């Protein structure tokens, strides 16, 4: 995501400063946001909200200070910035996470022969991206694969080591576990590590959301059956290169990312939603902050 916005900014003569909190959560994200608002010279903030409810207040304060807000990867409220409870962001750009969860469910079901016990390891409750993935996964398993029992989710709080421990505990108490769905990079890598450590690589299948190098290596080794790749680069370049760019040229911008954020590939429109494999645009979303660059007379 950072690479994408910097590339687009270079093309448009936009100055970008990126801030990445060391940990995940409202407590880490809010002080950074407050500090940006306090500057008094920013025009835009593009961010991935770490909580769809708790980040409403801090981001609304930015809007009240005259800063436009765009959310990427995750959204506020229910994500409907036209008719939903939260309407102040300009746009949301991200993956169709519900559809991604459905794809993950079908891939894992195929890998385990359509029956058995599977487990979901996720990151944090009340985060729109992983919530959508869990929703889509459970929906397909319930409707299309009645012989598959779904356990979880457990939340690792974006801690890969905790994901490994949680998955190892499930493997211990569920000797017939057939598969694991890791809803993001930390979940998938932690789950894959636990499976390998237990000597069950190739026996307990793992579906990984986010195409990290380790996830690809685990797939090549037969531990991971399916890897879902997102397009974080596209998500932010869309801001400046779409037919109606949200960020005008000759502005200075600040981007604040969340740690480990792989981003998504959906741009949802306020009026329509496109398939998961396409880019969607929904007016209003993100955490990128910009200030106008004024020429000297």
C-alpha atoms as a PDB file:
ATOM      1  CA  UNK A   1       0.000   0.000   0.000  1.00  0.00           C
ATOM      2  CA  UNK A   2       2.793   2.400   0.898  1.00  0.00           C
ATOM      3  CA  UNK A   3       4.589   1.604  -2.363  1.00  0.00           C
ATOM      4  CA  UNK A   4       1.422   2.261  -4.353  1.00  0.00           C
ATOM      5  CA  UNK A   5       0.644   5.639  -2.863  1.00  0.00           C
ATOM      6  CA  UNK A   6       4.246   6.762  -3.186  1.00  0.00           C
ATOM      7  CA  UNK A   7       4.277   5.783  -6.870  1.00  0.00           C
ATOM      8  CA  UNK A   8       1.041   7.658  -7.553  1.00  0.00           C
ATOM      9  CA  UNK A   9       2.232  10.639  -5.541  1.00  0.00           C
ATOM     10  CA  UNK A  10       5.427  10.844  -7.550  1.00  0.00           C
ATOM     11  CA  UNK A  11       3.478  10.939 -10.807  1.00  0.00           C
ATOM     12  CA  UNK A  12       1.229  13.723  -9.543  1.00  0.00           C
ATOM     13  CA  UNK A  13       3.797  15.775  -7.670  1.00  0.00           C
ATOM     14  CA  UNK A  14       2.257  14.886  -4.305  1.00  0.00           C
ATOM     15  CA  UNK A  15       4.314  14.772  -1.111  1.00  0.00           C
ATOM     16  CA  UNK A  16       3.660  11.699   1.035  1.00  0.00           C
ATOM     17  CA  UNK A  17       4.711  10.942   4.599  1.00  0.00           C
ATOM     18  CA  UNK A  18       3.880   7.491   5.968  1.00  0.00           C
ATOM     19  CA  UNK A  19       3.417   6.609   9.628  1.00  0.00           C
ATOM     20  CA  UNK A  20       3.037   2.989  10.721  1.00  0.00           C
ATOM     21  CA  UNK A  21       2.119   2.184  14.339  1.00  0.00           C
ATOM     22  CA  UNK A  22       4.167  -0.524  15.982  1.00  0.00           C
ATOM     23  CA  UNK A  23       1.103  -2.396  17.220  1.00  0.00           C
ATOM     24  CA  UNK A  24      -2.481  -2.896  16.121  1.00  0.00           C
ATOM     25  CA  UNK A  25      -5.500  -1.332  17.781  1.00  0.00           C
ATOM     26  CA  UNK A  26      -7.476   1.761  18.616  1.00  0.00           C
ATOM     27  CA  UNK A  27      -4.997   2.697  21.332  1.00  0.00           C
ATOM     28  CA  UNK A  28      -2.154   2.825  18.815  1.00  0.00           C
ATOM     29  CA  UNK A  29      -4.049   4.409  15.942  1.00  0.00           C
ATOM     30  CA  UNK A  30      -5.905   7.189  17.755  1.00  0.00           C
ATOM     31  CA  UNK A  31      -2.869   9.162  19.044  1.00  0.00           C
ATOM     32  CA  UNK A  32      -1.355   9.222  15.564  1.00  0.00           C
ATOM     33  CA  UNK A  33      -4.624  10.453  14.123  1.00  0.00           C
ATOM     34  CA  UNK A  34      -5.021  13.085  16.834  1.00  0.00           C
ATOM     35  CA  UNK A  35      -1.496  14.349  16.200  1.00  0.00           C
ATOM     36  CA  UNK A  36      -2.189  14.722  12.494  1.00  0.00           C
ATOM     37  CA  UNK A  37      -5.393  16.632  13.118  1.00  0.00           C
ATOM     38  CA  UNK A  38      -3.597  18.905  15.562  1.00  0.00           C
ATOM     39  CA  UNK A  39      -1.146  19.963  12.851  1.00  0.00           C
ATOM     40  CA  UNK A  40      -3.859  22.104  11.302  1.00  0.00           C
ATOM     41  CA  UNK A  41      -2.460  21.901   7.762  1.00  0.00           C
ATOM     42  CA  UNK A  42      -3.752  18.572   6.454  1.00  0.00           C
ATOM     43  CA  UNK A  43      -6.448  18.200   3.811  1.00  0.00           C
ATOM     44  CA  UNK A  44      -6.859  14.409   3.589  1.00  0.00           C
ATOM     45  CA  UNK A  45      -6.432  11.366   5.796  1.00  0.00           C
ATOM     46  CA  UNK A  46      -6.387   7.866   4.304  1.00  0.00           C
ATOM     47  CA  UNK A  47      -6.536   5.084   6.882  1.00  0.00           C
ATOM     48  CA  UNK A  48      -7.503   1.501   7.637  1.00  0.00           C
ATOM     49  CA  UNK A  49      -9.688   1.840  10.774  1.00  0.00           C
ATOM     50  CA  UNK A  50      -8.653  -0.664  13.426  1.00  0.00           C
ATOM     51  CA  UNK A  51     -12.206  -0.893  14.777  1.00  0.00           C
ATOM     52  CA  UNK A  52     -15.367  -0.201  12.796  1.00  0.00           C
ATOM     53  CA  UNK A  53     -17.083   1.440  15.778  1.00  0.00           C
ATOM     54  CA  UNK A  54     -14.412   2.833  18.084  1.00  0.00           C
ATOM     55  CA  UNK A  55     -12.627   4.739  15.308  1.00  0.00           C
ATOM     56  CA  UNK A  56     -15.778   6.637  14.289  1.00  0.00           C
ATOM     57  CA  UNK A  57     -15.248   9.347  16.907  1.00  0.00           C
ATOM     58  CA  UNK A  58     -11.557  10.058  16.188  1.00  0.00           C
ATOM     59  CA  UNK A  59     -12.114  10.149  12.435  1.00  0.00           C
ATOM     60  CA  UNK A  60     -15.249  12.290  12.773  1.00  0.00           C
ATOM     61  CA  UNK A  61     -13.115  14.746  14.746  1.00  0.00           C
ATOM     62  CA  UNK A  62     -10.768  14.919  11.764  1.00  0.00           C
ATOM     63  CA  UNK A  63     -13.674  15.702   9.456  1.00  0.00           C
ATOM     64  CA  UNK A  64     -14.947  18.354  11.873  1.00  0.00           C
ATOM     65  CA  UNK A  65     -11.471  19.917  11.663  1.00  0.00           C
ATOM     66  CA  UNK A  66     -11.874  20.238   7.898  1.00  0.00           C
ATOM     67  CA  UNK A  67      -9.951  17.125   6.845  1.00  0.00           C
ATOM     68  CA  UNK A  68     -11.426  14.737   4.265  1.00  0.00           C
ATOM     69  CA  UNK A  69     -11.304  11.059   5.263  1.00  0.00           C
ATOM     70  CA  UNK A  70     -10.885   8.015   3.015  1.00  0.00           C
ATOM     71  CA  UNK A  71     -10.833   4.469   4.417  1.00  0.00           C
ATOM     72  CA  UNK A  72      -8.928   1.604   2.819  1.00  0.00           C
ATOM     73  CA  UNK A  73      -8.871  -2.128   3.574  1.00  0.00           C
ATOM     74  CA  UNK A  74     -11.353  -1.710   6.444  1.00  0.00           C
ATOM     75  CA  UNK A  75     -14.413   0.501   6.836  1.00  0.00           C
ATOM     76  CA  UNK A  76     -16.416   2.281   9.526  1.00  0.00           C
ATOM     77  CA  UNK A  77     -19.927   1.320  10.593  1.00  0.00           C
ATOM     78  CA  UNK A  78     -21.522  -1.021   8.077  1.00  0.00           C
ATOM     79  CA  UNK A  79     -19.490   0.336   5.164  1.00  0.00           C
ATOM     80  CA  UNK A  80     -22.473   2.001   3.498  1.00  0.00           C
ATOM     81  CA  UNK A  81     -21.348   5.614   3.434  1.00  0.00           C
ATOM     82  CA  UNK A  82     -24.507   6.757   1.633  1.00  0.00           C
ATOM     83  CA  UNK A  83     -27.389   5.268   3.597  1.00  0.00           C
ATOM     84  CA  UNK A  84     -25.663   3.687   6.582  1.00  0.00           C
ATOM     85  CA  UNK A  85     -25.035   5.046  10.080  1.00  0.00           C
ATOM     86  CA  UNK A  86     -21.654   6.544   9.089  1.00  0.00           C
ATOM     87  CA  UNK A  87     -21.632   8.841   6.063  1.00  0.00           C
ATOM     88  CA  UNK A  88     -18.807  11.348   6.611  1.00  0.00           C
ATOM     89  CA  UNK A  89     -15.929   9.515   4.826  1.00  0.00           C
ATOM     90  CA  UNK A  90     -15.380  10.347   1.159  1.00  0.00           C
ATOM     91  CA  UNK A  91     -14.879   6.723   0.130  1.00  0.00           C
ATOM     92  CA  UNK A  92     -13.984   3.171   1.034  1.00  0.00           C
ATOM     93  CA  UNK A  93     -11.573   1.097  -1.049  1.00  0.00           C
ATOM     94  CA  UNK A  94     -10.935  -2.553  -0.243  1.00  0.00           C
ATOM     95  CA  UNK A  95     -11.479  -6.199  -1.110  1.00  0.00           C
ATOM     96  CA  UNK A  96     -14.867  -7.891  -1.199  1.00  0.00           C
ATOM     97  CA  UNK A  97     -14.042  -9.757   1.970  1.00  0.00           C
ATOM     98  CA  UNK A  98     -17.316 -11.676   2.196  1.00  0.00           C
ATOM     99  CA  UNK A  99     -16.750 -13.117  -1.261  1.00  0.00           C
ATOM    100  CA  UNK A 100     -13.152 -13.824  -0.309  1.00  0.00           C
ATOM    101  CA  UNK A 101     -14.438 -15.860   2.626  1.00  0.00           C
ATOM    102  CA  UNK A 102     -16.735 -17.799   0.304  1.00  0.00           C
ATOM    103  CA  UNK A 103     -13.867 -18.572  -2.054  1.00  0.00           C
ATOM    104  CA  UNK A 104     -11.774 -19.711   0.907  1.00  0.00           C
ATOM    105  CA  UNK A 105     -14.538 -22.025   2.133  1.00  0.00           C
ATOM    106  CA  UNK A 106     -15.001 -23.686  -1.234  1.00  0.00           C
ATOM    107  CA  UNK A 107     -11.250 -24.099  -1.665  1.00  0.00           C
ATOM    108  CA  UNK A 108     -10.792 -25.677   1.750  1.00  0.00           C
ATOM    109  CA  UNK A 109     -13.853 -27.900   1.331  1.00  0.00           C
ATOM    110  CA  UNK A 110     -12.472 -29.203  -1.943  1.00  0.00           C
ATOM    111  CA  UNK A 111      -9.069 -29.854  -0.372  1.00  0.00           C
ATOM    112  CA  UNK A 112     -10.530 -31.984   2.441  1.00  0.00           C
ATOM    113  CA  UNK A 113     -13.071 -33.876   0.341  1.00  0.00           C
ATOM    114  CA  UNK A 114     -16.186 -32.021   1.465  1.00  0.00           C
ATOM    115  CA  UNK A 115     -16.356 -33.396   5.006  1.00  0.00           C
ATOM    116  CA  UNK A 116     -14.592 -33.140   8.349  1.00  0.00           C
ATOM    117  CA  UNK A 117     -13.749 -30.507  10.946  1.00  0.00           C
ATOM    118  CA  UNK A 118     -12.239 -27.130  10.091  1.00  0.00           C
ATOM    119  CA  UNK A 119     -11.092 -24.254  12.264  1.00  0.00           C
ATOM    120  CA  UNK A 120     -11.034 -20.470  11.786  1.00  0.00           C
ATOM    121  CA  UNK A 121      -8.150 -18.466  13.220  1.00  0.00           C
ATOM    122  CA  UNK A 122      -8.744 -14.730  12.963  1.00  0.00           C
ATOM    123  CA  UNK A 123      -7.184 -11.510  14.197  1.00  0.00           C
ATOM    124  CA  UNK A 124      -9.435  -9.033  16.004  1.00  0.00           C
ATOM    125  CA  UNK A 125     -13.185  -8.761  16.611  1.00  0.00           C
ATOM    126  CA  UNK A 126     -15.035  -5.756  15.195  1.00  0.00           C
ATOM    127  CA  UNK A 127     -12.689  -5.292  12.232  1.00  0.00           C
ATOM    128  CA  UNK A 128     -14.681  -5.172   9.008  1.00  0.00           C
ATOM    129  CA  UNK A 129     -12.239  -7.035   6.760  1.00  0.00           C
ATOM    130  CA  UNK A 130     -11.824 -10.218   8.798  1.00  0.00           C
ATOM    131  CA  UNK A 131     -15.472 -10.131   9.917  1.00  0.00           C
ATOM    132  CA  UNK A 132     -16.494 -10.256   6.266  1.00  0.00           C
ATOM    133  CA  UNK A 133     -14.175 -13.161   5.576  1.00  0.00           C
ATOM    134  CA  UNK A 134     -15.525 -15.107   8.541  1.00  0.00           C
ATOM    135  CA  UNK A 135     -19.089 -14.371   7.424  1.00  0.00           C
ATOM    136  CA  UNK A 136     -18.544 -15.580   3.871  1.00  0.00           C
ATOM    137  CA  UNK A 137     -16.672 -18.677   5.026  1.00  0.00           C
ATOM    138  CA  UNK A 138     -19.347 -19.760   7.495  1.00  0.00           C
ATOM    139  CA  UNK A 139     -22.143 -18.962   5.054  1.00  0.00           C
ATOM    140  CA  UNK A 140     -20.782 -21.302   2.373  1.00  0.00           C
ATOM    141  CA  UNK A 141     -19.929 -24.090   4.795  1.00  0.00           C
ATOM    142  CA  UNK A 142     -23.424 -24.030   6.259  1.00  0.00           C
ATOM    143  CA  UNK A 143     -25.263 -23.880   2.938  1.00  0.00           C
ATOM    144  CA  UNK A 144     -23.072 -25.959   0.658  1.00  0.00           C
ATOM    145  CA  UNK A 145     -21.128 -28.372   2.873  1.00  0.00           C
ATOM    146  CA  UNK A 146     -23.331 -29.749   5.669  1.00  0.00           C
ATOM    147  CA  UNK A 147     -20.784 -32.484   6.423  1.00  0.00           C
ATOM    148  CA  UNK A 148     -18.171 -29.943   7.484  1.00  0.00           C
ATOM    149  CA  UNK A 149     -18.136 -28.708  11.085  1.00  0.00           C
ATOM    150  CA  UNK A 150     -16.657 -25.238  11.666  1.00  0.00           C
ATOM    151  CA  UNK A 151     -14.817 -24.378  14.894  1.00  0.00           C
ATOM    152  CA  UNK A 152     -13.868 -20.883  16.014  1.00  0.00           C
ATOM    153  CA  UNK A 153     -12.949 -18.231  15.373  1.00  0.00           C
ATOM    154  CA  UNK A 154     -10.201 -17.648  17.873  1.00  0.00           C
ATOM    155  CA  UNK A 155      -8.653 -14.156  17.830  1.00  0.00           C
ATOM    156  CA  UNK A 156      -4.880 -13.823  17.897  1.00  0.00           C
ATOM    157  CA  UNK A 157      -4.844  -9.989  18.104  1.00  0.00           C
ATOM    158  CA  UNK A 158      -2.467  -9.819  15.121  1.00  0.00           C
ATOM    159  CA  UNK A 159       0.123 -11.924  16.938  1.00  0.00           C
ATOM    160  CA  UNK A 160       1.488 -14.726  14.771  1.00  0.00           C
ATOM    161  CA  UNK A 161       2.944 -16.564  17.754  1.00  0.00           C
ATOM    162  CA  UNK A 162      -0.446 -16.538  19.449  1.00  0.00           C
ATOM    163  CA  UNK A 163      -2.035 -17.869  16.255  1.00  0.00           C
ATOM    164  CA  UNK A 164       0.484 -20.704  16.304  1.00  0.00           C
ATOM    165  CA  UNK A 165      -0.340 -21.486  19.942  1.00  0.00           C
ATOM    166  CA  UNK A 166      -4.095 -21.344  19.358  1.00  0.00           C
ATOM    167  CA  UNK A 167      -3.909 -23.622  16.332  1.00  0.00           C
ATOM    168  CA  UNK A 168      -1.626 -26.040  18.154  1.00  0.00           C
ATOM    169  CA  UNK A 169      -4.177 -26.258  20.982  1.00  0.00           C
ATOM    170  CA  UNK A 170      -6.965 -27.065  18.523  1.00  0.00           C
ATOM    171  CA  UNK A 171      -4.819 -29.706  16.827  1.00  0.00           C
ATOM    172  CA  UNK A 172      -4.210 -31.268  20.242  1.00  0.00           C
ATOM    173  CA  UNK A 173      -7.858 -31.486  21.270  1.00  0.00           C
ATOM    174  CA  UNK A 174      -9.238 -32.217  17.783  1.00  0.00           C
ATOM    175  CA  UNK A 175      -7.130 -35.075  16.351  1.00  0.00           C
ATOM    176  CA  UNK A 176      -9.461 -35.310  13.351  1.00  0.00           C
ATOM    177  CA  UNK A 177      -9.050 -31.659  12.353  1.00  0.00           C
ATOM    178  CA  UNK A 178      -8.961 -31.527   8.556  1.00  0.00           C
ATOM    179  CA  UNK A 179      -8.320 -27.872   7.787  1.00  0.00           C
ATOM    180  CA  UNK A 180      -7.691 -24.308   8.975  1.00  0.00           C
ATOM    181  CA  UNK A 181      -8.770 -20.964   7.534  1.00  0.00           C
ATOM    182  CA  UNK A 182      -6.399 -18.122   8.432  1.00  0.00           C
ATOM    183  CA  UNK A 183      -8.237 -14.849   7.868  1.00  0.00           C
ATOM    184  CA  UNK A 184      -5.108 -12.709   7.450  1.00  0.00           C
ATOM    185  CA  UNK A 185      -1.342 -12.883   7.255  1.00  0.00           C
ATOM    186  CA  UNK A 186      -0.765 -13.455  10.986  1.00  0.00           C
ATOM    187  CA  UNK A 187      -3.500 -16.078  11.255  1.00  0.00           C
ATOM    188  CA  UNK A 188      -2.458 -18.030   8.187  1.00  0.00           C
ATOM    189  CA  UNK A 189       1.258 -18.018   8.907  1.00  0.00           C
ATOM    190  CA  UNK A 190       0.688 -18.917  12.537  1.00  0.00           C
ATOM    191  CA  UNK A 191      -1.658 -21.753  11.588  1.00  0.00           C
ATOM    192  CA  UNK A 192       0.726 -23.045   8.944  1.00  0.00           C
ATOM    193  CA  UNK A 193       3.586 -23.044  11.441  1.00  0.00           C
ATOM    194  CA  UNK A 194       1.516 -25.015  13.962  1.00  0.00           C
ATOM    195  CA  UNK A 195       0.584 -27.596  11.335  1.00  0.00           C
ATOM    196  CA  UNK A 196       4.218 -28.030  10.285  1.00  0.00           C
ATOM    197  CA  UNK A 197       5.404 -28.233  13.900  1.00  0.00           C
ATOM    198  CA  UNK A 198       2.876 -30.994  14.557  1.00  0.00           C
ATOM    199  CA  UNK A 199       4.179 -32.967  11.584  1.00  0.00           C
ATOM    200  CA  UNK A 200       0.815 -32.664   9.847  1.00  0.00           C
ATOM    201  CA  UNK A 201       1.843 -30.772   6.736  1.00  0.00           C
ATOM    202  CA  UNK A 202      -0.196 -32.116   3.830  1.00  0.00           C
ATOM    203  CA  UNK A 203      -2.669 -33.790   6.204  1.00  0.00           C
ATOM    204  CA  UNK A 204      -4.268 -30.734   7.783  1.00  0.00           C
ATOM    205  CA  UNK A 205      -4.952 -28.292   4.969  1.00  0.00           C
ATOM    206  CA  UNK A 206      -4.602 -24.524   5.420  1.00  0.00           C
ATOM    207  CA  UNK A 207      -6.220 -21.719   3.422  1.00  0.00           C
ATOM    208  CA  UNK A 208      -4.312 -18.442   3.698  1.00  0.00           C
ATOM    209  CA  UNK A 209      -5.743 -14.972   3.180  1.00  0.00           C
ATOM    210  CA  UNK A 210      -2.892 -12.723   1.931  1.00  0.00           C
ATOM    211  CA  UNK A 211      -0.173 -13.877  -0.424  1.00  0.00           C
ATOM    212  CA  UNK A 212       2.952 -13.465   1.677  1.00  0.00           C
ATOM    213  CA  UNK A 213       6.225 -15.130   0.717  1.00  0.00           C
ATOM    214  CA  UNK A 214       5.829 -17.643   3.555  1.00  0.00           C
ATOM    215  CA  UNK A 215       2.263 -18.475   2.489  1.00  0.00           C
ATOM    216  CA  UNK A 216       3.466 -19.185  -1.054  1.00  0.00           C
ATOM    217  CA  UNK A 217       6.313 -21.339   0.276  1.00  0.00           C
ATOM    218  CA  UNK A 218       3.870 -23.304   2.436  1.00  0.00           C
ATOM    219  CA  UNK A 219       1.618 -23.765  -0.586  1.00  0.00           C
ATOM    220  CA  UNK A 220       4.531 -25.040  -2.677  1.00  0.00           C
ATOM    221  CA  UNK A 221       5.330 -27.469   0.146  1.00  0.00           C
ATOM    222  CA  UNK A 222       1.762 -28.775   0.244  1.00  0.00           C
ATOM    223  CA  UNK A 223       0.845 -27.313   3.640  1.00  0.00           C
ATOM    224  CA  UNK A 224      -1.351 -24.525   2.262  1.00  0.00           C
ATOM    225  CA  UNK A 225      -3.998 -25.451  -0.290  1.00  0.00           C
ATOM    226  CA  UNK A 226      -5.135 -22.008  -1.352  1.00  0.00           C
ATOM    227  CA  UNK A 227      -3.738 -18.472  -1.047  1.00  0.00           C
ATOM    228  CA  UNK A 228      -5.938 -15.442  -1.681  1.00  0.00           C
ATOM    229  CA  UNK A 229      -3.967 -12.479  -3.007  1.00  0.00           C
ATOM    230  CA  UNK A 230      -5.129  -8.896  -2.624  1.00  0.00           C
ATOM    231  CA  UNK A 231      -4.012  -5.730  -4.427  1.00  0.00           C
ATOM    232  CA  UNK A 232      -2.914  -3.112  -1.894  1.00  0.00           C
ATOM    233  CA  UNK A 233      -0.925  -1.256  -4.552  1.00  0.00           C
ATOM    234  CA  UNK A 234      -4.056  -0.777  -6.662  1.00  0.00           C
ATOM    235  CA  UNK A 235      -6.157   0.330  -3.723  1.00  0.00           C
ATOM    236  CA  UNK A 236      -4.181   3.477  -3.101  1.00  0.00           C
ATOM    237  CA  UNK A 237      -3.152   4.310  -6.675  1.00  0.00           C
ATOM    238  CA  UNK A 238      -6.867   4.366  -7.483  1.00  0.00           C
ATOM    239  CA  UNK A 239      -7.176   7.432  -5.291  1.00  0.00           C
ATOM    240  CA  UNK A 240      -5.114   9.439  -7.751  1.00  0.00           C
ATOM    241  CA  UNK A 241      -5.538   7.620 -11.057  1.00  0.00           C
ATOM    242  CA  UNK A 242      -9.262   6.838 -11.260  1.00  0.00           C
ATOM    243  CA  UNK A 243     -11.437   8.666 -13.838  1.00  0.00           C
ATOM    244  CA  UNK A 244     -12.468  10.966 -10.974  1.00  0.00           C
ATOM    245  CA  UNK A 245      -9.390  11.123  -8.715  1.00  0.00           C
ATOM    246  CA  UNK A 246     -10.148  11.662  -5.056  1.00  0.00           C
ATOM    247  CA  UNK A 247      -6.758  13.259  -4.463  1.00  0.00           C
ATOM    248  CA  UNK A 248      -5.938  16.213  -6.745  1.00  0.00           C
ATOM    249  CA  UNK A 249      -2.463  16.955  -7.989  1.00  0.00           C
ATOM    250  CA  UNK A 250      -0.152  19.453  -6.271  1.00  0.00           C
ATOM    251  CA  UNK A 251      -1.001  18.395  -2.741  1.00  0.00           C
ATOM    252  CA  UNK A 252       1.095  17.087   0.072  1.00  0.00           C
ATOM    253  CA  UNK A 253      -0.197  13.924   1.712  1.00  0.00           C
ATOM    254  CA  UNK A 254       0.420  11.878   4.800  1.00  0.00           C
ATOM    255  CA  UNK A 255      -0.361   8.172   4.848  1.00  0.00           C
ATOM    256  CA  UNK A 256      -0.796   6.310   8.093  1.00  0.00           C
ATOM    257  CA  UNK A 257      -0.869   2.541   7.727  1.00  0.00           C
ATOM    258  CA  UNK A 258      -1.646  -0.179  10.192  1.00  0.00           C
ATOM    259  CA  UNK A 259       1.009  -2.791  10.960  1.00  0.00           C
ATOM    260  CA  UNK A 260       0.902  -5.857   8.757  1.00  0.00           C
ATOM    261  CA  UNK A 261      -1.891  -4.463   6.621  1.00  0.00           C
ATOM    262  CA  UNK A 262      -1.922  -6.340   3.325  1.00  0.00           C
ATOM    263  CA  UNK A 263      -4.820  -4.289   1.991  1.00  0.00           C
ATOM    264  CA  UNK A 264      -7.622  -5.334  -0.270  1.00  0.00           C
ATOM    265  CA  UNK A 265      -8.808  -5.172  -3.828  1.00  0.00           C
ATOM    266  CA  UNK A 266     -12.320  -3.942  -3.827  1.00  0.00           C
ATOM    267  CA  UNK A 267     -13.423  -0.493  -4.674  1.00  0.00           C
ATOM    268  CA  UNK A 268     -17.055  -0.226  -3.825  1.00  0.00           C
ATOM    269  CA  UNK A 269     -19.327   2.366  -5.284  1.00  0.00           C
ATOM    270  CA  UNK A 270     -21.923   4.134  -3.189  1.00  0.00           C
ATOM    271  CA  UNK A 271     -24.462   2.752  -5.635  1.00  0.00           C
ATOM    272  CA  UNK A 272     -23.148  -0.651  -6.717  1.00  0.00           C
ATOM    273  CA  UNK A 273     -20.941  -3.545  -5.672  1.00  0.00           C
ATOM    274  CA  UNK A 274     -18.788  -5.450  -8.115  1.00  0.00           C
ATOM    275  CA  UNK A 275     -17.456  -9.046  -7.988  1.00  0.00           C
ATOM    276  CA  UNK A 276     -14.632  -9.811  -5.586  1.00  0.00           C
ATOM    277  CA  UNK A 277     -12.092 -10.177  -8.362  1.00  0.00           C
ATOM    278  CA  UNK A 278     -12.676  -6.656  -9.615  1.00  0.00           C
ATOM    279  CA  UNK A 279     -11.753  -3.297  -8.181  1.00  0.00           C
ATOM    280  CA  UNK A 280     -14.561  -1.488  -6.432  1.00  0.00           C
ATOM    281  CA  UNK A 281     -14.965   2.139  -5.580  1.00  0.00           C
ATOM    282  CA  UNK A 282     -17.106   3.344  -2.725  1.00  0.00           C
ATOM    283  CA  UNK A 283     -16.923   7.061  -2.030  1.00  0.00           C
ATOM    284  CA  UNK A 284     -15.474   7.733   1.463  1.00  0.00           C
ATOM    285  CA  UNK A 285     -12.595   5.718   3.200  1.00  0.00           C
ATOM    286  CA  UNK A 286      -8.926   5.368   4.517  1.00  0.00           C
ATOM    287  CA  UNK A 287      -6.104   6.946   6.495  1.00  0.00           C
ATOM    288  CA  UNK A 288      -4.019   9.202   4.315  1.00  0.00           C
ATOM    289  CA  UNK A 289      -3.605  12.796   5.316  1.00  0.00           C
ATOM    290  CA  UNK A 290      -2.793  15.554   2.890  1.00  0.00           C
ATOM    291  CA  UNK A 291      -2.170  19.251   3.034  1.00  0.00           C
ATOM    292  CA  UNK A 292      -2.372  21.577   0.103  1.00  0.00           C
ATOM    293  CA  UNK A 293       0.947  22.602  -1.393  1.00  0.00           C
ATOM    294  CA  UNK A 294       0.716  26.317  -2.074  1.00  0.00           C
ATOM    295  CA  UNK A 295       3.095  28.034  -4.468  1.00  0.00           C
ATOM    296  CA  UNK A 296       5.071  31.030  -3.336  1.00  0.00           C
ATOM    297  CA  UNK A 297       4.235  34.357  -4.944  1.00  0.00           C
END
